[in-house]
Amino acid sequence: MKIKNLVLVILMLIAALGCGSTRDKPKQFVCLDRSELKTLIKNYELTIPEKWCSFYGTHNELVHSPINIKPSMENYGPCYVYVLALDIENYKSKNVDDALQIHIKGWKERGNNKLEYESEFHPIYGKYYLMKYANTFGDQIQYKLKALFNYNNQSYVINYSATDKDFDNYLPQVIQMITTFKIIETP
């Protein structure tokens, strides 16, 4: 019995130590040096405006935000851009039109019926969709814009979120970022 308990304790220690990440976690809300970005962004390129800052946000996602809107835990959400290309079923589809239908269905299932969308043309990937909606974040209206791409049956979403006072102000810069978007294919 003592040997079984000892083996069990050793296995639990190995499992506990194995589950702990040896990778350093990034500091959140600290502007990164632009030279670091190329090593951090593996599956896409995006030209970030000069007066914007890139940092790790709440969920350790790489986020881009105007420098004059200081990123912090307290004001996370006023204005930012990030890119998603998740390896999950909702991000797999035959083409961008099917991808749009999957996203619309997801919004409706969550009770969001006020989604506006329109198709646009990207210089590399052709047709993509801009989807816009609003929600309330505390006492502020938060606008969301998502640029939905589909490449090789994988959806890529550039997410832009800003308060009602900032949304239109930064929208031209975000649209410019979207036009510079380029997927990096990995072997």
N, C-alpha and C. Protein backbone atom coordinates (compact mmCIF):
# COMPACT_ATOMS: atom_id res chain seq x y z
N MET A 1 0.82 -1.20 0.00
CA MET A 1 0.00 0.00 0.00
C MET A 1 0.86 1.26 0.00
N LYS A 2 1.97 1.26 0.80
CA LYS A 2 2.84 2.43 0.87
C LYS A 2 3.50 2.71 -0.48
N ILE A 3 3.85 1.64 -1.18
CA ILE A 3 4.49 1.80 -2.49
C ILE A 3 3.50 2.41 -3.48
N LYS A 4 2.25 1.95 -3.44
CA LYS A 4 1.23 2.51 -4.34
C LYS A 4 1.03 3.99 -4.05
N ASN A 5 0.98 4.36 -2.79
CA ASN A 5 0.82 5.78 -2.43
C ASN A 5 2.02 6.60 -2.88
N LEU A 6 3.22 6.05 -2.69
CA LEU A 6 4.43 6.76 -3.11
C LEU A 6 4.44 6.95 -4.63
N VAL A 7 4.10 5.91 -5.37
CA VAL A 7 4.03 6.00 -6.83
C VAL A 7 2.98 7.02 -7.25
N LEU A 8 1.83 7.00 -6.57
CA LEU A 8 0.77 7.95 -6.87
C LEU A 8 1.22 9.39 -6.62
N VAL A 9 1.91 9.64 -5.52
CA VAL A 9 2.41 10.98 -5.20
C VAL A 9 3.43 11.42 -6.25
N ILE A 10 4.32 10.53 -6.64
CA ILE A 10 5.33 10.87 -7.65
C ILE A 10 4.67 11.18 -8.98
N LEU A 11 3.68 10.38 -9.37
CA LEU A 11 2.97 10.65 -10.63
C LEU A 11 2.23 11.98 -10.57
N MET A 12 1.64 12.29 -9.44
CA MET A 12 0.94 13.57 -9.30
C MET A 12 1.91 14.74 -9.39
N LEU A 13 3.09 14.61 -8.79
CA LEU A 13 4.10 15.67 -8.88
C LEU A 13 4.57 15.85 -10.32
N ILE A 14 4.80 14.74 -11.01
CA ILE A 14 5.22 14.83 -12.42
C ILE A 14 4.15 15.51 -13.24
N ALA A 15 2.88 15.13 -13.03
CA ALA A 15 1.78 15.75 -13.77
C ALA A 15 1.67 17.23 -13.45
N ALA A 16 1.79 17.58 -12.18
CA ALA A 16 1.68 19.00 -11.79
C ALA A 16 2.81 19.82 -12.38
N LEU A 17 4.02 19.29 -12.34
CA LEU A 17 5.15 20.02 -12.91
C LEU A 17 5.06 20.08 -14.43
N GLY A 18 4.57 19.02 -15.04
CA GLY A 18 4.43 18.99 -16.50
C GLY A 18 3.37 19.95 -17.00
N CYS A 19 2.34 20.20 -16.20
CA CYS A 19 1.26 21.10 -16.62
C CYS A 19 1.67 22.56 -16.52
N GLY A 20 2.62 22.86 -15.67
CA GLY A 20 3.07 24.25 -15.53
C GLY A 20 3.84 24.66 -16.76
N SER A 21 3.55 25.81 -17.28
CA SER A 21 4.21 26.29 -18.48
C SER A 21 5.61 26.77 -18.15
N THR A 22 6.57 26.37 -18.97
CA THR A 22 7.94 26.84 -18.77
C THR A 22 8.17 28.13 -19.54
N ARG A 23 7.24 28.47 -20.42
CA ARG A 23 7.35 29.69 -21.20
C ARG A 23 7.00 30.89 -20.34
N ASP A 24 7.76 31.95 -20.47
CA ASP A 24 7.43 33.17 -19.76
C ASP A 24 6.14 33.73 -20.32
N LYS A 25 5.26 34.15 -19.43
CA LYS A 25 4.01 34.78 -19.88
C LYS A 25 4.32 36.23 -20.21
N PRO A 26 3.73 36.73 -21.28
CA PRO A 26 4.01 38.12 -21.66
C PRO A 26 3.39 39.10 -20.67
N LYS A 27 4.06 40.23 -20.52
CA LYS A 27 3.50 41.29 -19.69
C LYS A 27 2.33 41.91 -20.45
N GLN A 28 1.23 42.09 -19.75
CA GLN A 28 0.05 42.67 -20.39
C GLN A 28 0.11 44.19 -20.36
N PHE A 29 -0.46 44.80 -21.41
CA PHE A 29 -0.63 46.24 -21.51
C PHE A 29 0.69 47.01 -21.50
N VAL A 30 1.75 46.38 -22.01
CA VAL A 30 3.05 47.04 -22.14
C VAL A 30 3.35 47.13 -23.64
N CYS A 31 3.55 48.35 -24.15
CA CYS A 31 3.82 48.52 -25.58
C CYS A 31 5.08 47.76 -25.97
N LEU A 32 4.98 47.01 -27.04
CA LEU A 32 6.09 46.21 -27.53
C LEU A 32 6.89 47.00 -28.55
N ASP A 33 8.15 46.68 -28.65
CA ASP A 33 9.01 47.27 -29.66
C ASP A 33 8.58 46.75 -31.03
N ARG A 34 8.52 47.62 -32.02
CA ARG A 34 8.06 47.22 -33.36
C ARG A 34 8.91 46.10 -33.96
N SER A 35 10.18 46.07 -33.60
CA SER A 35 11.04 45.01 -34.15
C SER A 35 10.64 43.63 -33.61
N GLU A 36 9.98 43.58 -32.45
CA GLU A 36 9.52 42.32 -31.87
C GLU A 36 8.32 41.74 -32.62
N LEU A 37 7.53 42.61 -33.25
CA LEU A 37 6.27 42.16 -33.85
C LEU A 37 6.46 41.07 -34.89
N LYS A 38 7.48 41.18 -35.73
CA LYS A 38 7.68 40.18 -36.78
C LYS A 38 7.94 38.80 -36.19
N THR A 39 8.58 38.75 -35.04
CA THR A 39 8.84 37.45 -34.42
C THR A 39 7.61 36.94 -33.66
N LEU A 40 6.71 37.83 -33.27
CA LEU A 40 5.53 37.43 -32.50
C LEU A 40 4.35 37.03 -33.38
N ILE A 41 4.21 37.68 -34.53
CA ILE A 41 3.09 37.39 -35.43
C ILE A 41 3.56 36.36 -36.43
N LYS A 42 3.01 35.15 -36.32
CA LYS A 42 3.48 34.03 -37.13
C LYS A 42 2.63 33.77 -38.37
N ASN A 43 1.31 34.00 -38.30
CA ASN A 43 0.46 33.56 -39.41
C ASN A 43 -0.14 34.70 -40.24
N TYR A 44 0.24 35.94 -39.98
CA TYR A 44 -0.26 37.04 -40.80
C TYR A 44 0.68 38.24 -40.71
N GLU A 45 0.52 39.14 -41.66
CA GLU A 45 1.19 40.45 -41.63
C GLU A 45 0.10 41.51 -41.60
N LEU A 46 0.36 42.58 -40.91
CA LEU A 46 -0.58 43.68 -40.79
C LEU A 46 0.25 44.94 -40.53
N THR A 47 0.08 45.96 -41.34
CA THR A 47 0.83 47.19 -41.13
C THR A 47 0.12 48.01 -40.05
N ILE A 48 0.82 48.20 -38.95
CA ILE A 48 0.28 48.93 -37.80
C ILE A 48 0.66 50.40 -37.96
N PRO A 49 -0.30 51.33 -37.84
CA PRO A 49 0.04 52.76 -37.97
C PRO A 49 1.11 53.20 -36.97
N GLU A 50 1.89 54.19 -37.36
CA GLU A 50 2.99 54.69 -36.54
C GLU A 50 2.56 55.12 -35.14
N LYS A 51 1.40 55.72 -35.04
CA LYS A 51 0.96 56.23 -33.73
C LYS A 51 0.10 55.23 -32.98
N TRP A 52 0.34 53.94 -33.27
CA TRP A 52 -0.35 52.86 -32.57
C TRP A 52 0.67 52.03 -31.80
N CYS A 53 0.19 51.33 -30.81
CA CYS A 53 1.02 50.52 -29.92
C CYS A 53 0.51 49.08 -29.99
N SER A 54 1.41 48.10 -29.98
CA SER A 54 1.03 46.69 -29.93
C SER A 54 1.39 46.15 -28.56
N PHE A 55 0.48 45.37 -27.97
CA PHE A 55 0.69 44.85 -26.62
C PHE A 55 -0.13 43.58 -26.44
N TYR A 56 0.13 42.87 -25.37
CA TYR A 56 -0.68 41.71 -25.03
C TYR A 56 -1.83 42.16 -24.15
N GLY A 57 -3.04 41.76 -24.53
CA GLY A 57 -4.24 42.16 -23.81
C GLY A 57 -4.62 41.19 -22.72
N THR A 58 -5.84 41.30 -22.26
CA THR A 58 -6.34 40.54 -21.12
C THR A 58 -6.15 39.03 -21.27
N HIS A 59 -6.42 38.49 -22.43
CA HIS A 59 -6.34 37.04 -22.64
C HIS A 59 -5.05 36.65 -23.35
N ASN A 60 -4.01 37.47 -23.19
CA ASN A 60 -2.70 37.27 -23.81
C ASN A 60 -2.77 37.22 -25.33
N GLU A 61 -3.78 37.88 -25.92
CA GLU A 61 -3.83 38.02 -27.37
C GLU A 61 -3.07 39.29 -27.74
N LEU A 62 -2.46 39.27 -28.91
CA LEU A 62 -1.73 40.44 -29.39
C LEU A 62 -2.74 41.45 -29.90
N VAL A 63 -2.71 42.64 -29.33
CA VAL A 63 -3.69 43.70 -29.60
C VAL A 63 -2.95 44.94 -30.07
N HIS A 64 -3.59 45.71 -30.94
CA HIS A 64 -3.02 46.96 -31.45
C HIS A 64 -3.99 48.08 -31.11
N SER A 65 -3.46 49.19 -30.60
CA SER A 65 -4.32 50.29 -30.14
C SER A 65 -3.60 51.62 -30.34
N PRO A 66 -4.35 52.70 -30.56
CA PRO A 66 -3.70 54.02 -30.67
C PRO A 66 -2.91 54.34 -29.39
N ILE A 67 -1.73 54.92 -29.57
CA ILE A 67 -0.86 55.24 -28.43
C ILE A 67 -1.55 56.19 -27.45
N ASN A 68 -2.32 57.15 -27.96
CA ASN A 68 -2.93 58.13 -27.07
C ASN A 68 -4.06 57.54 -26.23
N ILE A 69 -4.46 56.31 -26.51
CA ILE A 69 -5.42 55.61 -25.65
C ILE A 69 -4.60 54.58 -24.90
N LYS A 70 -4.08 54.99 -23.76
CA LYS A 70 -3.15 54.15 -23.01
C LYS A 70 -3.80 52.82 -22.62
N PRO A 71 -3.17 51.74 -23.05
CA PRO A 71 -3.71 50.44 -22.69
C PRO A 71 -3.51 50.14 -21.21
N SER A 72 -4.55 49.66 -20.55
CA SER A 72 -4.45 49.25 -19.15
C SER A 72 -5.63 48.34 -18.84
N MET A 73 -5.55 47.69 -17.71
CA MET A 73 -6.65 46.82 -17.30
C MET A 73 -7.93 47.63 -17.09
N GLU A 74 -7.78 48.86 -16.60
CA GLU A 74 -8.95 49.68 -16.29
C GLU A 74 -9.68 50.15 -17.55
N ASN A 75 -8.93 50.48 -18.60
CA ASN A 75 -9.61 51.01 -19.79
C ASN A 75 -9.54 50.06 -20.98
N TYR A 76 -9.29 48.80 -20.73
CA TYR A 76 -9.24 47.83 -21.82
C TYR A 76 -10.58 47.86 -22.54
N GLY A 77 -10.55 48.12 -23.80
CA GLY A 77 -11.77 48.12 -24.56
C GLY A 77 -12.11 49.40 -25.27
N PRO A 78 -11.47 50.55 -24.94
CA PRO A 78 -11.88 51.76 -25.64
C PRO A 78 -11.61 51.74 -27.14
N CYS A 79 -10.49 51.14 -27.56
CA CYS A 79 -10.16 51.15 -28.99
C CYS A 79 -9.02 50.18 -29.24
N TYR A 80 -9.29 49.11 -29.99
CA TYR A 80 -8.23 48.15 -30.26
C TYR A 80 -8.56 47.30 -31.49
N VAL A 81 -7.52 46.65 -32.02
CA VAL A 81 -7.63 45.75 -33.17
C VAL A 81 -6.85 44.47 -32.84
N TYR A 82 -7.42 43.33 -33.20
CA TYR A 82 -6.68 42.07 -33.10
C TYR A 82 -7.17 41.12 -34.19
N VAL A 83 -6.37 40.10 -34.48
CA VAL A 83 -6.67 39.16 -35.55
C VAL A 83 -6.87 37.77 -34.96
N LEU A 84 -7.91 37.08 -35.43
CA LEU A 84 -8.17 35.70 -35.02
C LEU A 84 -8.19 34.78 -36.24
N ALA A 85 -7.57 33.62 -36.09
CA ALA A 85 -7.66 32.54 -37.07
C ALA A 85 -7.62 31.26 -36.26
N LEU A 86 -8.75 30.92 -35.66
CA LEU A 86 -8.80 29.80 -34.73
C LEU A 86 -8.99 28.47 -35.44
N ASP A 87 -8.40 27.45 -34.89
CA ASP A 87 -8.52 26.11 -35.46
C ASP A 87 -9.70 25.40 -34.81
N ILE A 88 -10.91 25.96 -35.03
CA ILE A 88 -12.14 25.38 -34.51
C ILE A 88 -13.16 25.33 -35.64
N GLU A 89 -14.21 24.57 -35.43
CA GLU A 89 -15.21 24.35 -36.48
C GLU A 89 -15.82 25.65 -37.01
N ASN A 90 -16.09 26.63 -36.14
CA ASN A 90 -16.69 27.89 -36.57
C ASN A 90 -15.79 28.69 -37.51
N TYR A 91 -14.52 28.35 -37.57
CA TYR A 91 -13.59 29.07 -38.43
C TYR A 91 -13.18 28.25 -39.66
N LYS A 92 -13.94 27.20 -39.95
CA LYS A 92 -13.69 26.37 -41.13
C LYS A 92 -14.91 26.46 -42.04
N SER A 93 -14.68 26.76 -43.31
CA SER A 93 -15.78 26.83 -44.28
C SER A 93 -15.21 26.78 -45.69
N LYS A 94 -16.08 26.51 -46.67
CA LYS A 94 -15.64 26.38 -48.06
C LYS A 94 -15.22 27.71 -48.67
N ASN A 95 -15.91 28.78 -48.28
CA ASN A 95 -15.63 30.08 -48.87
C ASN A 95 -16.11 31.19 -47.93
N VAL A 96 -15.90 32.42 -48.32
CA VAL A 96 -16.23 33.54 -47.44
C VAL A 96 -17.74 33.70 -47.24
N ASP A 97 -18.54 33.32 -48.24
CA ASP A 97 -20.00 33.40 -48.08
C ASP A 97 -20.49 32.40 -47.04
N ASP A 98 -19.95 31.18 -47.07
CA ASP A 98 -20.30 30.19 -46.05
C ASP A 98 -19.81 30.65 -44.67
N ALA A 99 -18.62 31.23 -44.64
CA ALA A 99 -18.09 31.75 -43.37
C ALA A 99 -19.01 32.81 -42.78
N LEU A 100 -19.52 33.68 -43.63
CA LEU A 100 -20.45 34.72 -43.18
C LEU A 100 -21.71 34.09 -42.57
N GLN A 101 -22.27 33.08 -43.25
CA GLN A 101 -23.48 32.43 -42.74
C GLN A 101 -23.23 31.77 -41.38
N ILE A 102 -22.07 31.18 -41.20
CA ILE A 102 -21.71 30.58 -39.90
C ILE A 102 -21.67 31.65 -38.82
N HIS A 103 -21.06 32.80 -39.13
CA HIS A 103 -20.97 33.89 -38.15
C HIS A 103 -22.36 34.48 -37.84
N ILE A 104 -23.17 34.66 -38.87
CA ILE A 104 -24.53 35.19 -38.66
C ILE A 104 -25.33 34.24 -37.77
N LYS A 105 -25.23 32.96 -38.05
CA LYS A 105 -25.94 31.97 -37.24
C LYS A 105 -25.49 32.04 -35.78
N GLY A 106 -24.20 32.17 -35.55
CA GLY A 106 -23.68 32.29 -34.19
C GLY A 106 -24.20 33.52 -33.47
N TRP A 107 -24.26 34.65 -34.19
CA TRP A 107 -24.79 35.88 -33.60
C TRP A 107 -26.26 35.71 -33.22
N LYS A 108 -27.03 35.13 -34.12
CA LYS A 108 -28.46 34.96 -33.84
C LYS A 108 -28.69 34.01 -32.68
N GLU A 109 -27.88 32.96 -32.57
CA GLU A 109 -28.01 32.04 -31.44
C GLU A 109 -27.73 32.72 -30.11
N ARG A 110 -26.89 33.75 -30.13
CA ARG A 110 -26.60 34.51 -28.91
C ARG A 110 -27.56 35.68 -28.72
N GLY A 111 -28.57 35.77 -29.57
CA GLY A 111 -29.57 36.82 -29.42
C GLY A 111 -29.21 38.15 -30.03
N ASN A 112 -28.14 38.20 -30.81
CA ASN A 112 -27.73 39.45 -31.48
C ASN A 112 -28.33 39.48 -32.88
N ASN A 113 -29.34 40.28 -33.08
CA ASN A 113 -30.01 40.32 -34.38
C ASN A 113 -29.72 41.59 -35.17
N LYS A 114 -28.94 42.49 -34.63
CA LYS A 114 -28.71 43.77 -35.31
C LYS A 114 -27.32 43.83 -35.93
N LEU A 115 -27.00 42.83 -36.70
CA LEU A 115 -25.72 42.77 -37.40
C LEU A 115 -25.88 43.37 -38.78
N GLU A 116 -25.04 44.34 -39.11
CA GLU A 116 -25.00 44.91 -40.46
C GLU A 116 -23.75 44.35 -41.13
N TYR A 117 -23.86 44.03 -42.41
CA TYR A 117 -22.68 43.56 -43.12
C TYR A 117 -22.74 43.96 -44.58
N GLU A 118 -21.56 44.05 -45.16
CA GLU A 118 -21.43 44.37 -46.59
C GLU A 118 -20.16 43.73 -47.10
N SER A 119 -20.14 43.40 -48.38
CA SER A 119 -18.94 42.82 -48.96
C SER A 119 -18.02 43.94 -49.45
N GLU A 120 -16.74 43.65 -49.38
CA GLU A 120 -15.68 44.55 -49.85
C GLU A 120 -14.71 43.71 -50.66
N PHE A 121 -13.72 44.39 -51.25
CA PHE A 121 -12.73 43.71 -52.07
C PHE A 121 -11.33 43.97 -51.52
N HIS A 122 -10.59 42.90 -51.26
CA HIS A 122 -9.22 43.00 -50.77
C HIS A 122 -8.27 42.79 -51.96
N PRO A 123 -7.16 43.56 -52.02
CA PRO A 123 -6.26 43.44 -53.18
C PRO A 123 -5.64 42.05 -53.36
N ILE A 124 -5.52 41.26 -52.30
CA ILE A 124 -4.94 39.91 -52.42
C ILE A 124 -6.01 38.84 -52.40
N TYR A 125 -6.96 38.93 -51.47
CA TYR A 125 -7.90 37.84 -51.21
C TYR A 125 -9.28 38.03 -51.83
N GLY A 126 -9.48 39.13 -52.52
CA GLY A 126 -10.76 39.36 -53.17
C GLY A 126 -11.86 39.68 -52.18
N LYS A 127 -12.99 39.06 -52.37
CA LYS A 127 -14.18 39.36 -51.57
C LYS A 127 -13.97 39.00 -50.09
N TYR A 128 -14.34 39.95 -49.24
CA TYR A 128 -14.40 39.70 -47.81
C TYR A 128 -15.59 40.48 -47.27
N TYR A 129 -15.96 40.24 -46.04
CA TYR A 129 -17.11 40.93 -45.45
C TYR A 129 -16.70 41.80 -44.27
N LEU A 130 -17.32 42.98 -44.21
CA LEU A 130 -17.24 43.84 -43.03
C LEU A 130 -18.56 43.67 -42.29
N MET A 131 -18.48 43.28 -41.04
CA MET A 131 -19.66 43.08 -40.20
C MET A 131 -19.59 44.08 -39.05
N LYS A 132 -20.69 44.78 -38.80
CA LYS A 132 -20.70 45.80 -37.76
C LYS A 132 -21.90 45.59 -36.85
N TYR A 133 -21.67 45.78 -35.57
CA TYR A 133 -22.74 45.73 -34.59
C TYR A 133 -22.32 46.56 -33.38
N ALA A 134 -23.24 46.80 -32.49
CA ALA A 134 -22.97 47.58 -31.27
C ALA A 134 -23.45 46.79 -30.07
N ASN A 135 -22.78 47.02 -28.96
CA ASN A 135 -23.27 46.49 -27.69
C ASN A 135 -22.93 47.49 -26.59
N THR A 136 -23.47 47.26 -25.43
CA THR A 136 -23.23 48.17 -24.31
C THR A 136 -22.17 47.56 -23.41
N PHE A 137 -21.18 48.37 -23.09
CA PHE A 137 -20.09 47.96 -22.21
C PHE A 137 -20.10 48.92 -21.04
N GLY A 138 -20.68 48.51 -19.92
CA GLY A 138 -20.86 49.44 -18.81
C GLY A 138 -21.89 50.47 -19.21
N ASP A 139 -21.51 51.73 -19.13
CA ASP A 139 -22.43 52.80 -19.54
C ASP A 139 -22.09 53.37 -20.91
N GLN A 140 -21.21 52.68 -21.66
CA GLN A 140 -20.80 53.16 -22.98
C GLN A 140 -21.30 52.24 -24.07
N ILE A 141 -21.53 52.84 -25.23
CA ILE A 141 -21.83 52.03 -26.42
C ILE A 141 -20.49 51.67 -27.05
N GLN A 142 -20.33 50.39 -27.33
CA GLN A 142 -19.11 49.87 -27.94
C GLN A 142 -19.48 49.37 -29.33
N TYR A 143 -18.79 49.89 -30.37
CA TYR A 143 -19.02 49.41 -31.73
C TYR A 143 -17.95 48.39 -32.08
N LYS A 144 -18.37 47.36 -32.80
CA LYS A 144 -17.46 46.30 -33.24
C LYS A 144 -17.53 46.20 -34.75
N LEU A 145 -16.38 46.10 -35.37
CA LEU A 145 -16.29 45.87 -36.81
C LEU A 145 -15.40 44.65 -37.00
N LYS A 146 -15.88 43.71 -37.78
CA LYS A 146 -15.11 42.50 -38.05
C LYS A 146 -14.92 42.37 -39.55
N ALA A 147 -13.69 42.22 -39.98
CA ALA A 147 -13.39 41.94 -41.38
C ALA A 147 -13.19 40.44 -41.49
N LEU A 148 -14.07 39.78 -42.24
CA LEU A 148 -14.07 38.32 -42.34
C LEU A 148 -13.49 37.89 -43.68
N PHE A 149 -12.39 37.14 -43.61
CA PHE A 149 -11.72 36.58 -44.78
C PHE A 149 -11.84 35.07 -44.73
N ASN A 150 -11.71 34.42 -45.88
CA ASN A 150 -11.61 32.98 -45.93
C ASN A 150 -10.52 32.63 -46.92
N TYR A 151 -9.55 31.88 -46.45
CA TYR A 151 -8.44 31.48 -47.31
C TYR A 151 -8.12 30.01 -47.02
N ASN A 152 -8.12 29.19 -48.04
CA ASN A 152 -7.87 27.75 -47.89
C ASN A 152 -8.79 27.12 -46.84
N ASN A 153 -10.07 27.47 -46.89
CA ASN A 153 -11.09 26.93 -45.99
C ASN A 153 -10.91 27.35 -44.53
N GLN A 154 -10.10 28.34 -44.27
CA GLN A 154 -9.86 28.85 -42.92
C GLN A 154 -10.35 30.30 -42.85
N SER A 155 -11.13 30.62 -41.83
CA SER A 155 -11.58 32.00 -41.64
C SER A 155 -10.55 32.78 -40.84
N TYR A 156 -10.35 34.01 -41.23
CA TYR A 156 -9.50 34.97 -40.53
C TYR A 156 -10.39 36.17 -40.24
N VAL A 157 -10.34 36.66 -39.02
CA VAL A 157 -11.19 37.78 -38.63
C VAL A 157 -10.32 38.87 -38.01
N ILE A 158 -10.37 40.05 -38.62
CA ILE A 158 -9.72 41.22 -38.04
C ILE A 158 -10.81 41.93 -37.25
N ASN A 159 -10.60 42.06 -35.96
CA ASN A 159 -11.59 42.62 -35.05
C ASN A 159 -11.20 44.04 -34.65
N TYR A 160 -12.12 44.96 -34.80
CA TYR A 160 -11.93 46.34 -34.37
C TYR A 160 -13.04 46.68 -33.39
N SER A 161 -12.67 47.21 -32.27
CA SER A 161 -13.64 47.58 -31.25
C SER A 161 -13.29 48.98 -30.74
N ALA A 162 -14.31 49.83 -30.61
CA ALA A 162 -14.07 51.19 -30.11
C ALA A 162 -15.36 51.75 -29.51
N THR A 163 -15.19 52.70 -28.62
CA THR A 163 -16.35 53.38 -28.07
C THR A 163 -16.98 54.23 -29.16
N ASP A 164 -18.21 54.64 -28.92
CA ASP A 164 -18.91 55.45 -29.92
C ASP A 164 -18.16 56.74 -30.23
N LYS A 165 -17.44 57.32 -29.27
CA LYS A 165 -16.71 58.57 -29.54
C LYS A 165 -15.41 58.34 -30.34
N ASP A 166 -14.86 57.11 -30.30
CA ASP A 166 -13.61 56.84 -31.00
C ASP A 166 -13.78 56.07 -32.31
N PHE A 167 -14.89 55.40 -32.49
CA PHE A 167 -15.05 54.48 -33.62
C PHE A 167 -14.78 55.15 -34.96
N ASP A 168 -15.51 56.22 -35.28
CA ASP A 168 -15.34 56.88 -36.58
C ASP A 168 -13.98 57.55 -36.71
N ASN A 169 -13.43 58.00 -35.61
CA ASN A 169 -12.13 58.68 -35.63
C ASN A 169 -11.01 57.75 -36.12
N TYR A 170 -11.01 56.50 -35.66
CA TYR A 170 -9.93 55.57 -36.01
C TYR A 170 -10.29 54.62 -37.15
N LEU A 171 -11.53 54.66 -37.61
CA LEU A 171 -11.97 53.75 -38.67
C LEU A 171 -11.11 53.84 -39.94
N PRO A 172 -10.75 55.03 -40.45
CA PRO A 172 -9.91 55.06 -41.66
C PRO A 172 -8.57 54.34 -41.47
N GLN A 173 -7.97 54.46 -40.29
CA GLN A 173 -6.70 53.76 -40.04
C GLN A 173 -6.91 52.25 -39.99
N VAL A 174 -8.03 51.83 -39.42
CA VAL A 174 -8.33 50.40 -39.35
C VAL A 174 -8.58 49.84 -40.75
N ILE A 175 -9.31 50.57 -41.58
CA ILE A 175 -9.55 50.13 -42.96
C ILE A 175 -8.22 50.00 -43.71
N GLN A 176 -7.32 50.94 -43.48
CA GLN A 176 -5.99 50.86 -44.10
C GLN A 176 -5.25 49.61 -43.62
N MET A 177 -5.36 49.31 -42.33
CA MET A 177 -4.74 48.10 -41.80
C MET A 177 -5.32 46.86 -42.49
N ILE A 178 -6.63 46.84 -42.67
CA ILE A 178 -7.28 45.70 -43.32
C ILE A 178 -6.75 45.50 -44.74
N THR A 179 -6.53 46.60 -45.46
CA THR A 179 -6.02 46.46 -46.84
C THR A 179 -4.59 45.93 -46.87
N THR A 180 -3.84 46.08 -45.77
CA THR A 180 -2.46 45.58 -45.73
C THR A 180 -2.38 44.14 -45.22
N PHE A 181 -3.50 43.58 -44.80
CA PHE A 181 -3.54 42.24 -44.23
C PHE A 181 -3.01 41.21 -45.24
N LYS A 182 -2.11 40.36 -44.76
CA LYS A 182 -1.56 39.31 -45.61
C LYS A 182 -1.35 38.05 -44.76
N ILE A 183 -1.87 36.95 -45.24
CA ILE A 183 -1.75 35.66 -44.55
C ILE A 183 -0.39 35.07 -44.88
N ILE A 184 0.29 34.59 -43.87
CA ILE A 184 1.58 33.94 -44.06
C ILE A 184 1.34 32.44 -44.03
N GLU A 185 1.64 31.80 -45.14
CA GLU A 185 1.47 30.35 -45.21
C GLU A 185 2.67 29.66 -44.58
N THR A 186 2.39 28.70 -43.73
CA THR A 186 3.46 27.95 -43.10
C THR A 186 3.52 26.56 -43.73
N PRO A 187 4.74 26.05 -43.90
CA PRO A 187 4.88 24.73 -44.55
C PRO A 187 4.32 23.61 -43.72
